Protein backbone atom coordinates (compact mmCIF):
# COMPACT_ATOMS: atom_id res chain seq x y z
CA MET A 1 -278.02 5.98 -81.00
CA SER A 2 -274.30 5.41 -80.99
CA GLU A 3 -271.72 8.03 -81.96
CA ASN A 4 -271.76 6.97 -85.63
CA ASN A 5 -275.59 7.23 -85.78
CA LYS A 6 -276.11 3.47 -85.94
CA PRO A 7 -278.64 1.89 -83.56
CA CYS A 8 -277.01 0.55 -80.43
CA PRO A 9 -277.00 -3.26 -80.20
CA PRO A 10 -279.25 -4.66 -77.45
CA LYS A 11 -277.58 -5.30 -74.11
CA GLN A 12 -276.92 -8.98 -73.66
CA HIS A 13 -279.51 -10.49 -71.38
CA VAL A 14 -281.77 -13.52 -71.02
CA HIS A 15 -285.35 -14.09 -69.85
CA GLU A 16 -286.87 -16.73 -67.60
CA ILE A 17 -289.86 -18.52 -69.12
CA LEU A 18 -292.47 -20.54 -67.22
CA GLY A 19 -295.64 -21.95 -68.72
CA SER A 20 -298.14 -24.69 -69.35
CA THR A 21 -299.40 -26.13 -72.60
CA LYS A 22 -303.05 -26.17 -73.58
CA ILE A 23 -304.93 -29.41 -72.91
CA ALA A 24 -304.73 -32.03 -75.67
CA GLY A 25 -306.53 -35.35 -75.96
CA CYS A 26 -309.94 -36.16 -74.62
CA CYS A 27 -311.68 -38.26 -72.02
CA ASN A 28 -309.18 -40.24 -69.92
CA TYR A 29 -306.27 -38.98 -72.06
CA ALA A 30 -306.84 -35.22 -71.68
CA HIS A 31 -303.70 -33.65 -70.27
CA SER A 32 -301.30 -30.70 -70.40
CA HIS A 33 -297.62 -30.24 -69.64
CA ARG A 34 -295.52 -27.67 -67.79
CA PHE A 35 -292.20 -26.17 -68.83
CA ALA A 36 -289.53 -23.85 -67.45
CA THR A 37 -286.43 -22.54 -69.22
CA VAL A 38 -284.14 -19.58 -69.76
CA SER A 39 -283.94 -17.97 -73.21
CA GLY A 40 -280.76 -17.51 -75.19
CA GLU A 41 -278.99 -14.13 -75.36
CA ALA A 42 -280.53 -11.24 -77.32
CA ILE A 43 -280.33 -11.60 -81.12
CA PRO A 44 -280.43 -8.22 -82.92
CA CYS A 45 -283.10 -7.84 -85.60
CA GLU A 46 -284.83 -4.98 -87.39
CA GLY A 47 -286.77 -3.02 -84.78
CA GLY A 48 -285.05 -4.53 -81.75
CA HIS A 49 -284.16 -8.07 -80.77
CA VAL A 50 -285.51 -11.59 -80.25
CA HIS A 51 -284.38 -14.61 -78.22
CA GLU A 52 -284.02 -18.27 -79.10
CA VAL A 53 -286.05 -20.54 -76.84
CA LYS A 54 -285.67 -24.28 -76.30
CA PHE A 55 -287.44 -26.45 -73.76
CA ARG A 56 -288.69 -29.91 -72.90
CA THR A 57 -291.97 -30.30 -71.06
CA ASP A 58 -292.50 -32.37 -67.97
CA SER A 59 -293.55 -35.98 -68.47
CA CYS A 60 -297.16 -37.11 -68.63
CA ASP A 61 -298.15 -40.74 -69.21
CA GLY A 62 -294.56 -41.48 -70.16
CA HIS A 63 -294.09 -38.87 -72.87
CA ILE A 64 -292.69 -35.35 -73.22
CA HIS A 65 -292.74 -32.64 -75.89
CA GLU A 66 -290.03 -30.26 -77.09
CA PHE A 67 -289.98 -26.76 -78.56
CA CYS A 68 -287.31 -24.79 -80.38
CA GLY A 69 -288.11 -21.35 -81.80
CA THR A 70 -287.83 -17.62 -81.25
CA THR A 71 -289.75 -14.98 -79.35
CA THR A 72 -291.39 -11.89 -80.76
CA ARG A 73 -289.45 -8.62 -80.67
CA GLN A 74 -289.36 -6.93 -77.28
CA ILE A 75 -292.56 -5.46 -75.82
CA GLU A 76 -291.81 -2.48 -73.57
CA VAL A 77 -293.57 -2.66 -70.20
CA SER A 78 -292.31 0.00 -67.76
CA CYS A 79 -289.20 1.65 -66.39
CA GLY A 80 -287.21 0.61 -69.46
CA HIS A 81 -287.99 -3.09 -68.99
CA HIS A 82 -289.47 -5.41 -71.58
CA VAL A 83 -290.92 -8.88 -72.17
CA HIS A 84 -291.34 -11.11 -75.23
CA PHE A 85 -294.22 -13.34 -76.38
CA ILE A 86 -294.39 -16.81 -77.94
CA GLU A 87 -297.51 -18.47 -79.41
CA ASP A 88 -296.74 -21.82 -81.03
CA CYS A 89 -296.98 -25.62 -80.74
CA THR A 90 -294.73 -28.24 -79.19
CA SER A 91 -293.25 -31.17 -81.08
CA LYS A 92 -295.54 -34.10 -81.86
CA ASN A 93 -295.19 -37.08 -79.55
CA ALA A 94 -297.63 -39.88 -78.61
CA ASP A 95 -299.62 -38.88 -81.73
CA HIS A 96 -300.36 -35.33 -80.59
CA LYS A 97 -298.87 -31.89 -79.96
CA HIS A 98 -299.87 -29.02 -77.68
CA LYS A 99 -300.48 -25.34 -78.35
CA PHE A 100 -299.08 -22.84 -75.88
CA GLU A 101 -298.94 -19.08 -75.29
CA VAL A 102 -296.38 -17.58 -72.96
CA ALA A 103 -294.80 -14.24 -72.10
CA THR A 104 -291.25 -14.13 -70.81
CA LEU A 105 -290.50 -12.68 -67.41
CA ILE A 106 -288.92 -9.22 -67.27
CA GLU A 107 -285.20 -9.18 -68.00
CA ASN A 108 -282.89 -8.48 -65.04
CA PRO A 109 -285.77 -7.44 -62.73
CA THR A 110 -283.50 -6.19 -59.93
CA CYS A 111 -281.02 -4.35 -62.17
CA GLU A 112 -281.34 -0.65 -62.91
C-alpha cells in the first residue's frame, strides 16, 4: 500500500508470448499456426492488472490470422513473479478461425 492507503499501481512491464493455435480444418487442410509477440504495458484493474495483446500468426497455405484482446489478471508463480493466461480464438480467415490457449512468460525474469 502507498502512503495514502491506496493500492500501489503495478510496475510497468511487458511479457513475451509464444504459442501455437489448435488445429483447424480436416483431411488435407488440417493445419495450425504459430505466433510470437510482446504484450503491452500493465493496465491497472480491480484486483491487479492485465495486458493488451496483439499478434499475427505465421502463414499457412497463403493465409494468416490475427488476435487483439487482453490477458487475465496476474497469476502469482514464485519469488514475486507472475504470468497471465489467454484462452480465445483468432480472427476468421480462409473461412475458419483457430482456438488457442497460452500463458505469458514471466515478466523481467532476470530482474530482482
